[in-house]
C-alpha atoms as a PDB file:
ATOM      1  CA  MET A   1     -86.870 -55.444 -59.396  1.00  0.00           C
ATOM      2  CA  ALA A   2     -87.734 -59.061 -58.625  1.00  0.00           C
ATOM      3  CA  LYS A   3     -85.932 -58.772 -55.289  1.00  0.00           C
ATOM      4  CA  LEU A   4     -87.928 -55.698 -54.398  1.00  0.00           C
ATOM      5  CA  GLU A   5     -91.173 -57.447 -55.260  1.00  0.00           C
ATOM      6  CA  ALA A   6     -90.126 -60.458 -53.162  1.00  0.00           C
ATOM      7  CA  VAL A   7     -89.337 -58.230 -50.171  1.00  0.00           C
ATOM      8  CA  ILE A   8     -92.727 -56.517 -50.465  1.00  0.00           C
ATOM      9  CA  LYS A   9     -94.495 -59.864 -50.782  1.00  0.00           C
ATOM     10  CA  ASP A  10     -92.740 -61.120 -47.629  1.00  0.00           C
ATOM     11  CA  ALA A  11     -93.642 -57.931 -45.767  1.00  0.00           C
ATOM     12  CA  ASP A  12     -97.258 -58.235 -46.918  1.00  0.00           C
ATOM     13  CA  GLY A  13     -97.334 -61.832 -45.706  1.00  0.00           C
ATOM     14  CA  LEU A  14     -96.003 -60.825 -42.291  1.00  0.00           C
ATOM     15  CA  ALA A  15     -98.502 -57.991 -42.042  1.00  0.00           C
ATOM     16  CA  GLY A  16    -101.314 -60.314 -43.109  1.00  0.00           C
ATOM     17  CA  ARG A  17    -100.403 -62.640 -40.236  1.00  0.00           C
ATOM     18  CA  GLN A  18    -100.371 -59.554 -38.008  1.00  0.00           C
ATOM     19  CA  ASN A  19     -96.660 -59.936 -37.303  1.00  0.00           C
ATOM     20  CA  PHE A  20     -96.187 -56.178 -37.428  1.00  0.00           C
ATOM     21  CA  ALA A  21     -92.882 -56.218 -35.558  1.00  0.00           C
ATOM     22  CA  ALA A  22     -91.312 -58.264 -38.391  1.00  0.00           C
ATOM     23  CA  ALA A  23     -93.280 -56.549 -41.182  1.00  0.00           C
ATOM     24  CA  THR A  24     -92.056 -53.048 -40.298  1.00  0.00           C
ATOM     25  CA  PRO A  25     -88.343 -53.637 -41.027  1.00  0.00           C
ATOM     26  CA  ALA A  26     -89.281 -55.619 -44.147  1.00  0.00           C
ATOM     27  CA  TYR A  27     -91.297 -52.665 -45.440  1.00  0.00           C
ATOM     28  CA  GLN A  28     -88.446 -50.304 -44.535  1.00  0.00           C
ATOM     29  CA  ASP A  29     -86.047 -52.533 -46.505  1.00  0.00           C
ATOM     30  CA  ALA A  30     -88.434 -52.472 -49.451  1.00  0.00           C
ATOM     31  CA  ALA A  31     -88.673 -48.671 -49.256  1.00  0.00           C
ATOM     32  CA  GLU A  32     -84.864 -48.348 -49.274  1.00  0.00           C
ATOM     33  CA  ARG A  33     -84.583 -50.679 -52.260  1.00  0.00           C
ATOM     34  CA  TYR A  34     -87.250 -48.707 -54.063  1.00  0.00           C
ATOM     35  CA  MET A  35     -85.395 -45.428 -53.451  1.00  0.00           C
ATOM     36  CA  GLU A  36     -82.137 -46.983 -54.723  1.00  0.00           C
ATOM     37  CA  ALA A  37     -83.910 -48.243 -57.840  1.00  0.00           C
ATOM     38  CA  ALA A  38     -85.471 -44.830 -58.428  1.00  0.00           C
ATOM     39  CA  GLY A  39     -82.045 -43.194 -58.129  1.00  0.00           C
ATOM     40  CA  ARG A  40     -80.514 -45.644 -60.604  1.00  0.00           C
ATOM     41  CA  ALA A  41     -83.418 -45.103 -62.993  1.00  0.00           C
ATOM     42  CA  GLN A  42     -82.887 -41.343 -62.856  1.00  0.00           C
ATOM     43  CA  MET A  43     -79.159 -41.751 -63.602  1.00  0.00           C
ATOM     44  CA  VAL A  44     -79.920 -44.041 -66.539  1.00  0.00           C
ATOM     45  CA  ASN A  45     -82.496 -41.582 -67.846  1.00  0.00           C
ATOM     46  CA  GLU A  46     -79.988 -38.711 -67.656  1.00  0.00           C
ATOM     47  CA  ALA A  47     -77.351 -40.796 -69.464  1.00  0.00           C
ATOM     48  CA  LYS A  48     -79.905 -41.690 -72.155  1.00  0.00           C
ATOM     49  CA  THR A  49     -80.809 -38.022 -72.588  1.00  0.00           C
ATOM     50  CA  GLN A  50     -77.120 -37.150 -73.028  1.00  0.00           C
ATOM     51  CA  ALA A  51     -76.679 -39.975 -75.551  1.00  0.00           C
ATOM     52  CA  ASP A  52     -79.749 -38.802 -77.486  1.00  0.00           C
ATOM     53  CA  SER A  53     -78.402 -35.249 -77.565  1.00  0.00           C
ATOM     54  CA  ALA A  54     -74.948 -36.417 -78.688  1.00  0.00           C
ATOM     55  CA  ARG A  55     -76.560 -38.538 -81.412  1.00  0.00           C
ATOM     56  CA  ALA A  56     -78.566 -35.563 -82.696  1.00  0.00           C
ATOM     57  CA  ARG A  57     -75.440 -33.368 -82.889  1.00  0.00           C
ATOM     58  CA  MET A  58     -73.542 -36.166 -84.621  1.00  0.00           C
ATOM     59  CA  LEU A  59     -76.304 -36.649 -87.208  1.00  0.00           C
ATOM     60  CA  ALA A  60     -76.352 -32.916 -87.947  1.00  0.00           C
ATOM     61  CA  GLU A  61     -72.586 -32.964 -88.494  1.00  0.00           C
ATOM     62  CA  LYS A  62     -72.927 -36.088 -90.644  1.00  0.00           C
ATOM     63  CA  GLN A  63     -75.286 -34.179 -92.968  1.00  0.00           C
ATOM     64  CA  ARG A  64     -72.560 -31.571 -93.584  1.00  0.00           C
ATOM     65  CA  ALA A  65     -69.715 -34.088 -93.936  1.00  0.00           C
ATOM     66  CA  TYR A  66     -68.108 -35.018 -97.242  1.00  0.00           C
ATOM     67  CA  GLN A  67     -68.574 -38.756 -97.781  1.00  0.00           C
ATOM     68  CA  GLY A  68     -65.428 -39.017 -99.889  1.00  0.00           C
ATOM     69  CA  ALA A  69     -63.153 -37.866 -97.063  1.00  0.00           C
ATOM     70  CA  PRO A  70     -61.115 -40.524 -95.233  1.00  0.00           C
ATOM     71  CA  GLU A  71     -62.451 -39.255 -91.898  1.00  0.00           C
ATOM     72  CA  PHE A  72     -66.003 -40.074 -92.987  1.00  0.00           C
ATOM     73  CA  SER A  73     -65.378 -43.831 -92.821  1.00  0.00           C
ATOM     74  CA  VAL A  74     -63.707 -43.437 -89.412  1.00  0.00           C
ATOM     75  CA  ALA A  75     -66.745 -41.497 -88.222  1.00  0.00           C
ATOM     76  CA  ALA A  76     -69.125 -44.131 -89.598  1.00  0.00           C
ATOM     77  CA  ALA A  77     -67.276 -46.849 -87.653  1.00  0.00           C
ATOM     78  CA  GLU A  78     -67.560 -44.788 -84.444  1.00  0.00           C
ATOM     79  CA  GLU A  79     -71.262 -44.276 -85.169  1.00  0.00           C
ATOM     80  CA  ARG A  80     -71.816 -48.047 -85.539  1.00  0.00           C
ATOM     81  CA  GLN A  81     -70.083 -48.658 -82.197  1.00  0.00           C
ATOM     82  CA  ALA A  82     -72.179 -45.922 -80.587  1.00  0.00           C
ATOM     83  CA  ASN A  83     -75.398 -47.451 -81.892  1.00  0.00           C
ATOM     84  CA  ALA A  84     -74.355 -50.878 -80.594  1.00  0.00           C
ATOM     85  CA  SER A  85     -73.664 -49.399 -77.148  1.00  0.00           C
ATOM     86  CA  TYR A  86     -77.001 -47.596 -77.209  1.00  0.00           C
ATOM     87  CA  GLU A  87     -78.830 -50.831 -78.028  1.00  0.00           C
ATOM     88  CA  ARG A  88     -77.084 -52.507 -75.065  1.00  0.00           C
ATOM     89  CA  LEU A  89     -78.362 -49.605 -72.935  1.00  0.00           C
ATOM     90  CA  ALA A  90     -74.758 -48.508 -72.311  1.00  0.00           C
ATOM     91  CA  PHE A  91     -75.773 -44.881 -72.718  1.00  0.00           C
ATOM     92  CA  ARG A  92     -72.616 -43.256 -71.329  1.00  0.00           C
ATOM     93  CA  ASP A  93     -70.425 -45.249 -73.697  1.00  0.00           C
ATOM     94  CA  ALA A  94     -72.810 -44.474 -76.552  1.00  0.00           C
ATOM     95  CA  ALA A  95     -72.632 -40.730 -75.813  1.00  0.00           C
ATOM     96  CA  GLU A  96     -68.817 -40.825 -75.904  1.00  0.00           C
ATOM     97  CA  LYS A  97     -68.830 -42.707 -79.207  1.00  0.00           C
ATOM     98  CA  PHE A  98     -71.416 -40.331 -80.703  1.00  0.00           C
ATOM     99  CA  ARG A  99     -69.208 -37.379 -79.693  1.00  0.00           C
ATOM    100  CA  ALA A 100     -66.170 -39.025 -81.291  1.00  0.00           C
ATOM    101  CA  ALA A 101     -68.132 -39.682 -84.476  1.00  0.00           C
ATOM    102  CA  GLU A 102     -69.310 -36.059 -84.488  1.00  0.00           C
ATOM    103  CA  MET A 103     -65.702 -34.840 -84.350  1.00  0.00           C
ATOM    104  CA  HIS A 104     -64.681 -37.140 -87.202  1.00  0.00           C
ATOM    105  CA  TYR A 105     -67.657 -36.095 -89.321  1.00  0.00           C
ATOM    106  CA  ALA A 106     -66.768 -32.447 -88.651  1.00  0.00           C
ATOM    107  CA  SER A 107     -63.271 -33.020 -90.012  1.00  0.00           C
ATOM    108  CA  ALA A 108     -64.571 -34.886 -93.088  1.00  0.00           C
ATOM    109  CA  THR A 109     -64.546 -31.929 -95.416  1.00  0.00           C
ATOM    110  CA  LYS A 110     -64.384 -31.700 -99.171  1.00  0.00           C
ATOM    111  CA  PRO A 111     -60.943 -30.803-100.411  1.00  0.00           C
ATOM    112  CA  GLY A 112     -60.757 -27.204-101.533  1.00  0.00           C
ATOM    113  CA  PRO A 113     -59.284 -25.959-104.809  1.00  0.00           C
ATOM    114  CA  ALA A 114     -55.537 -26.128-105.206  1.00  0.00           C
ATOM    115  CA  PRO A 115     -53.870 -22.958-104.021  1.00  0.00           C
ATOM    116  CA  THR A 116     -52.975 -20.567-106.801  1.00  0.00           C
ATOM    117  CA  PRO A 117     -49.452 -19.233-107.060  1.00  0.00           C
ATOM    118  CA  LYS A 118     -49.024 -15.914-105.382  1.00  0.00           C
ATOM    119  CA  GLN A 119     -49.060 -13.064-107.835  1.00  0.00           C
ATOM    120  CA  ASP A 120     -47.453  -9.714-107.363  1.00  0.00           C
ATOM    121  CA  PRO A 121     -49.977  -6.955-106.894  1.00  0.00           C
ATOM    122  CA  PRO A 122     -50.302  -4.553-109.808  1.00  0.00           C
ATOM    123  CA  ALA A 123     -47.944  -1.600-109.736  1.00  0.00           C
ATOM    124  CA  PRO A 124     -49.518   1.535-108.326  1.00  0.00           C
ATOM    125  CA  ALA A 125     -50.613   4.045-110.913  1.00  0.00           C
ATOM    126  CA  ARG A 126     -48.324   6.988-111.345  1.00  0.00           C
ATOM    127  CA  PRO A 127     -49.832  10.281-110.348  1.00  0.00           C
ATOM    128  CA  ARG A 128     -50.866  12.249-113.358  1.00  0.00           C
ATOM    129  CA  GLN A 129     -48.861  15.371-113.853  1.00  0.00           C
ATOM    130  CA  LEU A 130     -50.602  18.479-114.945  1.00  0.00           C
ATOM    131  CA  PRO A 131     -49.174  20.569-117.738  1.00  0.00           C
ATOM    132  CA  PRO A 132     -47.062  23.517-116.602  1.00  0.00           C
ATOM    133  CA  SER A 133     -49.717  26.029-117.634  1.00  0.00           C
ATOM    134  CA  PHE A 134     -51.803  25.222-114.630  1.00  0.00           C
END
């Protein structure tokens, strides 16, 4: 942004000295730099929005996860890396790490009861026979 401000300041100086022929391309350069910066800002904002969304999904999955599962600690490590990336403003990397953590939290489930041995179904009841008088 400092470069953009310097270009604008130079263009303003040229215009102030009524050197319009030199000020015009300087202003055009400043306008192009501004548009590039606006485009980059929009991309960063979109990446941040995706990271925020991935974080929210991960946190919801974390609430359902079983903390005693081995996958929980793997997920927590991914979450720490994601938060570090987010703080560095590396939003795309953060979103990927949040998604990975979400998957690990989703697989961190409480072990179910031990399977019971299969039992044979009860024998079908024999049809009741009526006495011969009927």
